[in-house]
Amino acid sequence: MAANIQDILASLLLPEDSDWQVESFEKNEANGSIYVHVRFSKPEVTVAGKKFPIYDFRPERTWRHLDLWQCQTYITARIPRYRVDGKTLSLEVPWADAGERLTSMLEKKR
């Protein structure tokens, strides 16, 4: 069974059994870059074993990732937010540490 490019990108960029999915991608031939757009695939988030409904999403962010196929690669996503005790919190993403603009895999290579 042949995999499509979005399945291949998901297997390269996202942890197995991730709540994130590759939504789309775009390759810019002019500057040799790939932007992989991912989205959270569930109606609620699970944090420390507890489920919370998604309150809203942060504006889209971009993280620099390891090069794929000799192209500068970026992951873009809108991060879901949830509310706990009146506080609005952002979900942590599996590909980067909080506040970082580089993915964890790229950080390890530096």
PDB file of N, CA and C in Angstrom:
ATOM      1  N   MET A   1       0.845  -1.185   0.000  1.00  0.00           N
ATOM      2  CA  MET A   1       0.000   0.000   0.000  1.00  0.00           C
ATOM      3  C   MET A   1       0.890   1.249   0.000  1.00  0.00           C
ATOM      4  N   ALA A   2       0.702   2.118  -0.940  1.00  0.00           N
ATOM      5  CA  ALA A   2       1.511   3.318  -1.062  1.00  0.00           C
ATOM      6  C   ALA A   2       1.027   4.397  -0.089  1.00  0.00           C
ATOM      7  N   ALA A   3       1.968   5.042   0.565  1.00  0.00           N
ATOM      8  CA  ALA A   3       1.634   6.132   1.484  1.00  0.00           C
ATOM      9  C   ALA A   3       1.621   7.439   0.713  1.00  0.00           C
ATOM     10  N   ASN A   4       0.762   8.358   1.136  1.00  0.00           N
ATOM     11  CA  ASN A   4       0.780   9.675   0.501  1.00  0.00           C
ATOM     12  C   ASN A   4       1.797  10.560   1.210  1.00  0.00           C
ATOM     13  N   ILE A   5       2.124  11.678   0.598  1.00  0.00           N
ATOM     14  CA  ILE A   5       3.180  12.554   1.135  1.00  0.00           C
ATOM     15  C   ILE A   5       2.829  13.070   2.526  1.00  0.00           C
ATOM     16  N   GLN A   6       1.542  13.319   2.814  1.00  0.00           N
ATOM     17  CA  GLN A   6       1.160  13.815   4.142  1.00  0.00           C
ATOM     18  C   GLN A   6       1.409  12.747   5.209  1.00  0.00           C
ATOM     19  N   ASP A   7       1.190  11.472   4.880  1.00  0.00           N
ATOM     20  CA  ASP A   7       1.492  10.395   5.825  1.00  0.00           C
ATOM     21  C   ASP A   7       3.001  10.293   6.051  1.00  0.00           C
ATOM     22  N   ILE A   8       3.768  10.459   4.997  1.00  0.00           N
ATOM     23  CA  ILE A   8       5.226  10.406   5.118  1.00  0.00           C
ATOM     24  C   ILE A   8       5.725  11.551   5.988  1.00  0.00           C
ATOM     25  N   LEU A   9       5.222  12.769   5.732  1.00  0.00           N
ATOM     26  CA  LEU A   9       5.624  13.919   6.546  1.00  0.00           C
ATOM     27  C   LEU A   9       5.239  13.723   8.010  1.00  0.00           C
ATOM     28  N   ALA A  10       4.040  13.198   8.260  1.00  0.00           N
ATOM     29  CA  ALA A  10       3.602  12.951   9.640  1.00  0.00           C
ATOM     30  C   ALA A  10       4.535  11.957  10.318  1.00  0.00           C
ATOM     31  N   SER A  11       4.931  10.902   9.605  1.00  0.00           N
ATOM     32  CA  SER A  11       5.812   9.904  10.217  1.00  0.00           C
ATOM     33  C   SER A  11       7.199  10.475  10.500  1.00  0.00           C
ATOM     34  N   LEU A  12       7.643  11.443   9.713  1.00  0.00           N
ATOM     35  CA  LEU A  12       8.955  12.058   9.916  1.00  0.00           C
ATOM     36  C   LEU A  12       8.941  13.138  10.994  1.00  0.00           C
ATOM     37  N   LEU A  13       7.821  13.852  11.134  1.00  0.00           N
ATOM     38  CA  LEU A  13       7.788  15.035  11.984  1.00  0.00           C
ATOM     39  C   LEU A  13       7.055  14.869  13.310  1.00  0.00           C
ATOM     40  N   LEU A  14       6.098  13.958  13.363  1.00  0.00           N
ATOM     41  CA  LEU A  14       5.234  13.853  14.542  1.00  0.00           C
ATOM     42  C   LEU A  14       5.437  12.524  15.257  1.00  0.00           C
ATOM     43  N   PRO A  15       5.257  12.522  16.587  1.00  0.00           N
ATOM     44  CA  PRO A  15       5.368  11.250  17.311  1.00  0.00           C
ATOM     45  C   PRO A  15       4.269  10.277  16.882  1.00  0.00           C
ATOM     46  N   GLU A  16       4.550   8.995  17.003  1.00  0.00           N
ATOM     47  CA  GLU A  16       3.553   7.974  16.697  1.00  0.00           C
ATOM     48  C   GLU A  16       2.357   8.158  17.636  1.00  0.00           C
ATOM     49  N   ASP A  17       1.157   7.911  17.144  1.00  0.00           N
ATOM     50  CA  ASP A  17      -0.088   8.077  17.919  1.00  0.00           C
ATOM     51  C   ASP A  17      -0.276   9.514  18.398  1.00  0.00           C
ATOM     52  N   SER A  18       0.159  10.461  17.620  1.00  0.00           N
ATOM     53  CA  SER A  18       0.047  11.869  17.968  1.00  0.00           C
ATOM     54  C   SER A  18      -1.383  12.372  17.790  1.00  0.00           C
ATOM     55  N   ASP A  19      -1.758  13.371  18.579  1.00  0.00           N
ATOM     56  CA  ASP A  19      -3.050  14.037  18.422  1.00  0.00           C
ATOM     57  C   ASP A  19      -2.974  15.128  17.350  1.00  0.00           C
ATOM     58  N   TRP A  20      -1.842  15.212  16.678  1.00  0.00           N
ATOM     59  CA  TRP A  20      -1.622  16.191  15.620  1.00  0.00           C
ATOM     60  C   TRP A  20      -1.608  15.472  14.282  1.00  0.00           C
ATOM     61  N   GLN A  21      -2.084  16.163  13.236  1.00  0.00           N
ATOM     62  CA  GLN A  21      -2.089  15.609  11.888  1.00  0.00           C
ATOM     63  C   GLN A  21      -1.514  16.626  10.915  1.00  0.00           C
ATOM     64  N   VAL A  22      -0.871  16.118   9.877  1.00  0.00           N
ATOM     65  CA  VAL A  22      -0.420  16.998   8.803  1.00  0.00           C
ATOM     66  C   VAL A  22      -1.656  17.378   7.994  1.00  0.00           C
ATOM     67  N   GLU A  23      -1.929  18.660   7.946  1.00  0.00           N
ATOM     68  CA  GLU A  23      -3.099  19.161   7.228  1.00  0.00           C
ATOM     69  C   GLU A  23      -2.771  19.448   5.766  1.00  0.00           C
ATOM     70  N   SER A  24      -1.615  20.070   5.556  1.00  0.00           N
ATOM     71  CA  SER A  24      -1.193  20.398   4.195  1.00  0.00           C
ATOM     72  C   SER A  24       0.305  20.729   4.221  1.00  0.00           C
ATOM     73  N   PHE A  25       0.860  20.932   3.044  1.00  0.00           N
ATOM     74  CA  PHE A  25       2.260  21.341   2.951  1.00  0.00           C
ATOM     75  C   PHE A  25       2.416  22.168   1.685  1.00  0.00           C
ATOM     76  N   GLU A  26       3.440  22.972   1.694  1.00  0.00           N
ATOM     77  CA  GLU A  26       3.755  23.743   0.493  1.00  0.00           C
ATOM     78  C   GLU A  26       5.262  23.784   0.317  1.00  0.00           C
ATOM     79  N   LYS A  27       5.685  23.597  -0.911  1.00  0.00           N
ATOM     80  CA  LYS A  27       7.105  23.658  -1.230  1.00  0.00           C
ATOM     81  C   LYS A  27       7.343  24.898  -2.069  1.00  0.00           C
ATOM     82  N   ASN A  28       8.295  25.700  -1.631  1.00  0.00           N
ATOM     83  CA  ASN A  28       8.665  26.903  -2.352  1.00  0.00           C
ATOM     84  C   ASN A  28       9.944  26.602  -3.127  1.00  0.00           C
ATOM     85  N   GLU A  29       9.805  26.406  -4.421  1.00  0.00           N
ATOM     86  CA  GLU A  29      10.958  26.074  -5.265  1.00  0.00           C
ATOM     87  C   GLU A  29      11.972  27.213  -5.311  1.00  0.00           C
ATOM     88  N   ALA A  30      11.487  28.451  -5.235  1.00  0.00           N
ATOM     89  CA  ALA A  30      12.366  29.609  -5.369  1.00  0.00           C
ATOM     90  C   ALA A  30      13.413  29.675  -4.250  1.00  0.00           C
ATOM     91  N   ASN A  31      13.003  29.398  -3.012  1.00  0.00           N
ATOM     92  CA  ASN A  31      13.972  29.478  -1.920  1.00  0.00           C
ATOM     93  C   ASN A  31      14.282  28.118  -1.293  1.00  0.00           C
ATOM     94  N   GLY A  32      13.749  27.044  -1.864  1.00  0.00           N
ATOM     95  CA  GLY A  32      14.069  25.702  -1.396  1.00  0.00           C
ATOM     96  C   GLY A  32      13.574  25.396   0.001  1.00  0.00           C
ATOM     97  N   SER A  33      12.333  25.763   0.293  1.00  0.00           N
ATOM     98  CA  SER A  33      11.785  25.504   1.626  1.00  0.00           C
ATOM     99  C   SER A  33      10.483  24.714   1.541  1.00  0.00           C
ATOM    100  N   ILE A  34      10.190  24.007   2.627  1.00  0.00           N
ATOM    101  CA  ILE A  34       8.945  23.264   2.763  1.00  0.00           C
ATOM    102  C   ILE A  34       8.267  23.734   4.046  1.00  0.00           C
ATOM    103  N   TYR A  35       7.011  24.098   3.944  1.00  0.00           N
ATOM    104  CA  TYR A  35       6.197  24.447   5.114  1.00  0.00           C
ATOM    105  C   TYR A  35       5.170  23.342   5.300  1.00  0.00           C
ATOM    106  N   VAL A  36       5.216  22.701   6.473  1.00  0.00           N
ATOM    107  CA  VAL A  36       4.284  21.627   6.793  1.00  0.00           C
ATOM    108  C   VAL A  36       3.293  22.183   7.814  1.00  0.00           C
ATOM    109  N   HIS A  37       2.026  22.228   7.429  1.00  0.00           N
ATOM    110  CA  HIS A  37       0.974  22.760   8.292  1.00  0.00           C
ATOM    111  C   HIS A  37       0.316  21.611   9.035  1.00  0.00           C
ATOM    112  N   VAL A  38       0.389  21.658  10.366  1.00  0.00           N
ATOM    113  CA  VAL A  38      -0.223  20.614  11.183  1.00  0.00           C
ATOM    114  C   VAL A  38      -1.367  21.213  11.993  1.00  0.00           C
ATOM    115  N   ARG A  39      -2.315  20.340  12.355  1.00  0.00           N
ATOM    116  CA  ARG A  39      -3.447  20.800  13.162  1.00  0.00           C
ATOM    117  C   ARG A  39      -3.737  19.773  14.240  1.00  0.00           C
ATOM    118  N   PHE A  40      -4.283  20.257  15.342  1.00  0.00           N
ATOM    119  CA  PHE A  40      -4.679  19.380  16.434  1.00  0.00           C
ATOM    120  C   PHE A  40      -5.957  18.684  16.013  1.00  0.00           C
ATOM    121  N   SER A  41      -6.023  17.368  16.195  1.00  0.00           N
ATOM    122  CA  SER A  41      -7.100  16.590  15.596  1.00  0.00           C
ATOM    123  C   SER A  41      -8.227  16.190  16.550  1.00  0.00           C
ATOM    124  N   LYS A  42      -8.183  16.638  17.777  1.00  0.00           N
ATOM    125  CA  LYS A  42      -9.203  16.226  18.754  1.00  0.00           C
ATOM    126  C   LYS A  42     -10.004  17.440  19.230  1.00  0.00           C
ATOM    127  N   PRO A  43     -11.231  17.210  19.743  1.00  0.00           N
ATOM    128  CA  PRO A  43     -12.036  18.322  20.245  1.00  0.00           C
ATOM    129  C   PRO A  43     -11.666  18.743  21.668  1.00  0.00           C
ATOM    130  N   GLU A  44     -10.804  17.948  22.324  1.00  0.00           N
ATOM    131  CA  GLU A  44     -10.361  18.296  23.668  1.00  0.00           C
ATOM    132  C   GLU A  44      -8.877  17.971  23.791  1.00  0.00           C
ATOM    133  N   VAL A  45      -8.253  18.553  24.823  1.00  0.00           N
ATOM    134  CA  VAL A  45      -6.848  18.273  25.103  1.00  0.00           C
ATOM    135  C   VAL A  45      -6.775  17.430  26.370  1.00  0.00           C
ATOM    136  N   THR A  46      -5.741  16.622  26.462  1.00  0.00           N
ATOM    137  CA  THR A  46      -5.506  15.832  27.667  1.00  0.00           C
ATOM    138  C   THR A  46      -4.197  16.291  28.276  1.00  0.00           C
ATOM    139  N   VAL A  47      -4.280  16.753  29.522  1.00  0.00           N
ATOM    140  CA  VAL A  47      -3.109  17.250  30.233  1.00  0.00           C
ATOM    141  C   VAL A  47      -3.084  16.561  31.595  1.00  0.00           C
ATOM    142  N   ALA A  48      -1.979  15.903  31.895  1.00  0.00           N
ATOM    143  CA  ALA A  48      -1.817  15.177  33.162  1.00  0.00           C
ATOM    144  C   ALA A  48      -2.988  14.226  33.407  1.00  0.00           C
ATOM    145  N   GLY A  49      -3.425  13.560  32.348  1.00  0.00           N
ATOM    146  CA  GLY A  49      -4.491  12.581  32.466  1.00  0.00           C
ATOM    147  C   GLY A  49      -5.901  13.140  32.543  1.00  0.00           C
ATOM    148  N   LYS A  50      -6.038  14.460  32.516  1.00  0.00           N
ATOM    149  CA  LYS A  50      -7.361  15.088  32.567  1.00  0.00           C
ATOM    150  C   LYS A  50      -7.697  15.690  31.216  1.00  0.00           C
ATOM    151  N   LYS A  51      -8.980  15.594  30.833  1.00  0.00           N
ATOM    152  CA  LYS A  51      -9.429  16.146  29.548  1.00  0.00           C
ATOM    153  C   LYS A  51     -10.058  17.523  29.774  1.00  0.00           C
ATOM    154  N   PHE A  52      -9.736  18.439  28.862  1.00  0.00           N
ATOM    155  CA  PHE A  52     -10.282  19.793  28.895  1.00  0.00           C
ATOM    156  C   PHE A  52     -10.765  20.148  27.500  1.00  0.00           C
ATOM    157  N   PRO A  53     -11.923  20.795  27.393  1.00  0.00           N
ATOM    158  CA  PRO A  53     -12.358  21.240  26.066  1.00  0.00           C
ATOM    159  C   PRO A  53     -11.423  22.336  25.557  1.00  0.00           C
ATOM    160  N   ILE A  54     -11.281  22.396  24.244  1.00  0.00           N
ATOM    161  CA  ILE A  54     -10.461  23.463  23.655  1.00  0.00           C
ATOM    162  C   ILE A  54     -11.211  24.780  23.804  1.00  0.00           C
ATOM    163  N   TYR A  55     -10.529  25.759  24.381  1.00  0.00           N
ATOM    164  CA  TYR A  55     -11.114  27.085  24.591  1.00  0.00           C
ATOM    165  C   TYR A  55     -11.002  27.920  23.312  1.00  0.00           C
ATOM    166  N   ASP A  56      -9.808  27.969  22.745  1.00  0.00           N
ATOM    167  CA  ASP A  56      -9.560  28.660  21.477  1.00  0.00           C
ATOM    168  C   ASP A  56      -8.171  28.253  20.992  1.00  0.00           C
ATOM    169  N   PHE A  57      -7.678  28.931  19.979  1.00  0.00           N
ATOM    170  CA  PHE A  57      -6.362  28.622  19.425  1.00  0.00           C
ATOM    171  C   PHE A  57      -5.507  29.882  19.400  1.00  0.00           C
ATOM    172  N   ARG A  58      -4.236  29.717  19.665  1.00  0.00           N
ATOM    173  CA  ARG A  58      -3.289  30.827  19.526  1.00  0.00           C
ATOM    174  C   ARG A  58      -3.096  31.114  18.039  1.00  0.00           C
ATOM    175  N   PRO A  59      -2.617  32.302  17.716  1.00  0.00           N
ATOM    176  CA  PRO A  59      -2.288  32.569  16.309  1.00  0.00           C
ATOM    177  C   PRO A  59      -1.231  31.573  15.815  1.00  0.00           C
ATOM    178  N   GLU A  60      -1.196  31.383  14.519  1.00  0.00           N
ATOM    179  CA  GLU A  60      -0.264  30.424  13.928  1.00  0.00           C
ATOM    180  C   GLU A  60       1.179  30.759  14.288  1.00  0.00           C
ATOM    181  N   ARG A  61       1.953  29.716  14.613  1.00  0.00           N
ATOM    182  CA  ARG A  61       3.381  29.842  14.904  1.00  0.00           C
ATOM    183  C   ARG A  61       4.155  28.967  13.934  1.00  0.00           C
ATOM    184  N   THR A  62       5.432  29.275  13.782  1.00  0.00           N
ATOM    185  CA  THR A  62       6.299  28.507  12.898  1.00  0.00           C
ATOM    186  C   THR A  62       7.561  28.113  13.648  1.00  0.00           C
ATOM    187  N   TRP A  63       7.971  26.845  13.458  1.00  0.00           N
ATOM    188  CA  TRP A  63       9.186  26.316  14.051  1.00  0.00           C
ATOM    189  C   TRP A  63      10.092  25.815  12.937  1.00  0.00           C
ATOM    190  N   ARG A  64      11.370  26.084  13.046  1.00  0.00           N
ATOM    191  CA  ARG A  64      12.360  25.581  12.098  1.00  0.00           C
ATOM    192  C   ARG A  64      12.674  24.140  12.472  1.00  0.00           C
ATOM    193  N   HIS A  65      12.678  23.262  11.487  1.00  0.00           N
ATOM    194  CA  HIS A  65      12.941  21.846  11.705  1.00  0.00           C
ATOM    195  C   HIS A  65      14.189  21.431  10.930  1.00  0.00           C
ATOM    196  N   LEU A  66      14.615  20.195  11.134  1.00  0.00           N
ATOM    197  CA  LEU A  66      15.712  19.648  10.337  1.00  0.00           C
ATOM    198  C   LEU A  66      15.354  19.699   8.857  1.00  0.00           C
ATOM    199  N   ASP A  67      16.342  19.863   8.015  1.00  0.00           N
ATOM    200  CA  ASP A  67      16.080  19.869   6.576  1.00  0.00           C
ATOM    201  C   ASP A  67      15.572  18.508   6.115  1.00  0.00           C
ATOM    202  N   LEU A  68      14.585  18.534   5.244  1.00  0.00           N
ATOM    203  CA  LEU A  68      14.080  17.334   4.598  1.00  0.00           C
ATOM    204  C   LEU A  68      14.342  17.475   3.107  1.00  0.00           C
ATOM    205  N   TRP A  69      14.905  16.437   2.526  1.00  0.00           N
ATOM    206  CA  TRP A  69      15.140  16.416   1.081  1.00  0.00           C
ATOM    207  C   TRP A  69      15.895  17.663   0.621  1.00  0.00           C
ATOM    208  N   GLN A  70      16.870  18.088   1.403  1.00  0.00           N
ATOM    209  CA  GLN A  70      17.716  19.246   1.118  1.00  0.00           C
ATOM    210  C   GLN A  70      16.942  20.554   1.062  1.00  0.00           C
ATOM    211  N   CYS A  71      15.797  20.597   1.702  1.00  0.00           N
ATOM    212  CA  CYS A  71      14.986  21.819   1.772  1.00  0.00           C
ATOM    213  C   CYS A  71      14.896  22.285   3.222  1.00  0.00           C
ATOM    214  N   GLN A  72      14.992  23.591   3.431  1.00  0.00           N
ATOM    215  CA  GLN A  72      14.726  24.121   4.766  1.00  0.00           C
ATOM    216  C   GLN A  72      13.280  23.778   5.104  1.00  0.00           C
ATOM    217  N   THR A  73      13.077  23.188   6.268  1.00  0.00           N
ATOM    218  CA  THR A  73      11.755  22.688   6.627  1.00  0.00           C
ATOM    219  C   THR A  73      11.227  23.420   7.846  1.00  0.00           C
ATOM    220  N   TYR A  74       9.949  23.772   7.788  1.00  0.00           N
ATOM    221  CA  TYR A  74       9.285  24.496   8.866  1.00  0.00           C
ATOM    222  C   TYR A  74       7.971  23.790   9.200  1.00  0.00           C
ATOM    223  N   ILE A  75       7.630  23.780  10.487  1.00  0.00           N
ATOM    224  CA  ILE A  75       6.331  23.282  10.938  1.00  0.00           C
ATOM    225  C   ILE A  75       5.522  24.496  11.364  1.00  0.00           C
ATOM    226  N   THR A  76       4.289  24.581  10.894  1.00  0.00           N
ATOM    227  CA  THR A  76       3.406  25.664  11.321  1.00  0.00           C
ATOM    228  C   THR A  76       2.157  25.061  11.949  1.00  0.00           C
ATOM    229  N   ALA A  77       1.649  25.726  12.985  1.00  0.00           N
ATOM    230  CA  ALA A  77       0.459  25.225  13.673  1.00  0.00           C
ATOM    231  C   ALA A  77      -0.172  26.329  14.505  1.00  0.00           C
ATOM    232  N   ARG A  78      -1.452  26.159  14.731  1.00  0.00           N
ATOM    233  CA  ARG A  78      -2.179  26.964  15.710  1.00  0.00           C
ATOM    234  C   ARG A  78      -2.319  26.090  16.951  1.00  0.00           C
ATOM    235  N   ILE A  79      -1.871  26.590  18.081  1.00  0.00           N
ATOM    236  CA  ILE A  79      -1.827  25.811  19.314  1.00  0.00           C
ATOM    237  C   ILE A  79      -3.149  25.954  20.071  1.00  0.00           C
ATOM    238  N   PRO A  80      -3.780  24.822  20.439  1.00  0.00           N
ATOM    239  CA  PRO A  80      -5.017  24.914  21.211  1.00  0.00           C
ATOM    240  C   PRO A  80      -4.745  25.429  22.629  1.00  0.00           C
ATOM    241  N   ARG A  81      -5.724  26.171  23.119  1.00  0.00           N
ATOM    242  CA  ARG A  81      -5.663  26.644  24.496  1.00  0.00           C
ATOM    243  C   ARG A  81      -6.857  26.084  25.259  1.00  0.00           C
ATOM    244  N   TYR A  82      -6.676  25.900  26.548  1.00  0.00           N
ATOM    245  CA  TYR A  82      -7.732  25.368  27.406  1.00  0.00           C
ATOM    246  C   TYR A  82      -7.742  26.174  28.700  1.00  0.00           C
ATOM    247  N   ARG A  83      -8.824  26.041  29.454  1.00  0.00           N
ATOM    248  CA  ARG A  83      -8.967  26.817  30.692  1.00  0.00           C
ATOM    249  C   ARG A  83      -8.985  25.887  31.899  1.00  0.00           C
ATOM    250  N   VAL A  84      -8.227  26.310  32.932  1.00  0.00           N
ATOM    251  CA  VAL A  84      -8.187  25.601  34.210  1.00  0.00           C
ATOM    252  C   VAL A  84      -8.242  26.638  35.318  1.00  0.00           C
ATOM    253  N   ASP A  85      -9.226  26.520  36.181  1.00  0.00           N
ATOM    254  CA  ASP A  85      -9.359  27.447  37.323  1.00  0.00           C
ATOM    255  C   ASP A  85      -9.291  28.910  36.884  1.00  0.00           C
ATOM    256  N   GLY A  86      -9.944  29.240  35.789  1.00  0.00           N
ATOM    257  CA  GLY A  86      -9.991  30.615  35.304  1.00  0.00           C
ATOM    258  C   GLY A  86      -8.759  31.064  34.535  1.00  0.00           C
ATOM    259  N   LYS A  87      -7.770  30.208  34.405  1.00  0.00           N
ATOM    260  CA  LYS A  87      -6.549  30.549  33.670  1.00  0.00           C
ATOM    261  C   LYS A  87      -6.600  29.900  32.294  1.00  0.00           C
ATOM    262  N   THR A  88      -6.161  30.635  31.291  1.00  0.00           N
ATOM    263  CA  THR A  88      -6.072  30.105  29.933  1.00  0.00           C
ATOM    264  C   THR A  88      -4.643  29.650  29.692  1.00  0.00           C
ATOM    265  N   LEU A  89      -4.487  28.369  29.361  1.00  0.00           N
ATOM    266  CA  LEU A  89      -3.166  27.763  29.160  1.00  0.00           C
ATOM    267  C   LEU A  89      -3.047  27.204  27.747  1.00  0.00           C
ATOM    268  N   SER A  90      -1.837  27.214  27.233  1.00  0.00           N
ATOM    269  CA  SER A  90      -1.571  26.644  25.905  1.00  0.00           C
ATOM    270  C   SER A  90      -1.090  25.210  26.044  1.00  0.00           C
ATOM    271  N   LEU A  91      -1.531  24.372  25.138  1.00  0.00           N
ATOM    272  CA  LEU A  91      -1.065  22.994  25.090  1.00  0.00           C
ATOM    273  C   LEU A  91       0.394  22.976  24.646  1.00  0.00           C
ATOM    274  N   GLU A  92       1.192  22.102  25.238  1.00  0.00           N
ATOM    275  CA  GLU A  92       2.569  21.941  24.777  1.00  0.00           C
ATOM    276  C   GLU A  92       2.562  21.132  23.492  1.00  0.00           C
ATOM    277  N   VAL A  93       3.432  21.481  22.576  1.00  0.00           N
ATOM    278  CA  VAL A  93       3.513  20.731  21.317  1.00  0.00           C
ATOM    279  C   VAL A  93       4.574  19.641  21.462  1.00  0.00           C
ATOM    280  N   PRO A  94       4.400  18.501  20.791  1.00  0.00           N
ATOM    281  CA  PRO A  94       5.353  17.397  20.953  1.00  0.00           C
ATOM    282  C   PRO A  94       6.667  17.581  20.199  1.00  0.00           C
ATOM    283  N   TRP A  95       6.760  18.580  19.332  1.00  0.00           N
ATOM    284  CA  TRP A  95       7.965  18.717  18.514  1.00  0.00           C
ATOM    285  C   TRP A  95       8.917  19.804  19.001  1.00  0.00           C
ATOM    286  N   ALA A  96       8.526  20.579  20.037  1.00  0.00           N
ATOM    287  CA  ALA A  96       9.400  21.659  20.507  1.00  0.00           C
ATOM    288  C   ALA A  96       9.139  21.962  21.979  1.00  0.00           C
ATOM    289  N   ASP A  97      10.158  22.490  22.637  1.00  0.00           N
ATOM    290  CA  ASP A  97       9.986  22.942  24.014  1.00  0.00           C
ATOM    291  C   ASP A  97       9.223  24.261  24.022  1.00  0.00           C
ATOM    292  N   ALA A  98       8.555  24.543  25.114  1.00  0.00           N
ATOM    293  CA  ALA A  98       7.763  25.775  25.238  1.00  0.00           C
ATOM    294  C   ALA A  98       8.636  27.003  24.973  1.00  0.00           C
ATOM    295  N   GLY A  99       8.117  27.905  24.170  1.00  0.00           N
ATOM    296  CA  GLY A  99       8.809  29.158  23.878  1.00  0.00           C
ATOM    297  C   GLY A  99       9.905  29.064  22.830  1.00  0.00           C
ATOM    298  N   GLU A 100      10.248  27.877  22.390  1.00  0.00           N
ATOM    299  CA  GLU A 100      11.317  27.708  21.390  1.00  0.00           C
ATOM    300  C   GLU A 100      10.788  27.931  19.980  1.00  0.00           C
ATOM    301  N   ARG A 101      11.653  28.377  19.091  1.00  0.00           N
ATOM    302  CA  ARG A 101      11.313  28.550  17.676  1.00  0.00           C
ATOM    303  C   ARG A 101      11.970  27.486  16.804  1.00  0.00           C
ATOM    304  N   LEU A 102      12.752  26.597  17.442  1.00  0.00           N
ATOM    305  CA  LEU A 102      13.367  25.473  16.756  1.00  0.00           C
ATOM    306  C   LEU A 102      12.754  24.196  17.313  1.00  0.00           C
ATOM    307  N   THR A 103      12.608  23.176  16.472  1.00  0.00           N
ATOM    308  CA  THR A 103      12.090  21.916  16.978  1.00  0.00           C
ATOM    309  C   THR A 103      13.170  21.239  17.837  1.00  0.00           C
ATOM    310  N   SER A 104      12.737  20.321  18.683  1.00  0.00           N
ATOM    311  CA  SER A 104      13.662  19.603  19.569  1.00  0.00           C
ATOM    312  C   SER A 104      14.715  18.848  18.766  1.00  0.00           C
ATOM    313  N   MET A 105      14.303  18.262  17.627  1.00  0.00           N
ATOM    314  CA  MET A 105      15.257  17.517  16.798  1.00  0.00           C
ATOM    315  C   MET A 105      16.340  18.425  16.242  1.00  0.00           C
ATOM    316  N   LEU A 106      15.982  19.645  15.854  1.00  0.00           N
ATOM    317  CA  LEU A 106      16.979  20.589  15.338  1.00  0.00           C
ATOM    318  C   LEU A 106      17.882  21.051  16.470  1.00  0.00           C
ATOM    319  N   GLU A 107      17.316  21.269  17.645  1.00  0.00           N
ATOM    320  CA  GLU A 107      18.127  21.689  18.808  1.00  0.00           C
ATOM    321  C   GLU A 107      19.197  20.648  19.108  1.00  0.00           C
ATOM    322  N   LYS A 108      18.863  19.365  19.004  1.00  0.00           N
ATOM    323  CA  LYS A 108      19.818  18.293  19.295  1.00  0.00           C
ATOM    324  C   LYS A 108      20.982  18.296  18.315  1.00  0.00           C
ATOM    325  N   LYS A 109      20.735  18.734  17.077  1.00  0.00           N
ATOM    326  CA  LYS A 109      21.774  18.737  16.040  1.00  0.00           C
ATOM    327  C   LYS A 109      22.735  19.923  16.186  1.00  0.00           C
ATOM    328  N   ARG A 110      22.338  20.924  16.934  1.00  0.00           N
ATOM    329  CA  ARG A 110      23.175  22.131  17.061  1.00  0.00           C
ATOM    330  C   ARG A 110      24.328  21.911  17.981  1.00  0.00           C
TER     331      ARG A 110
END
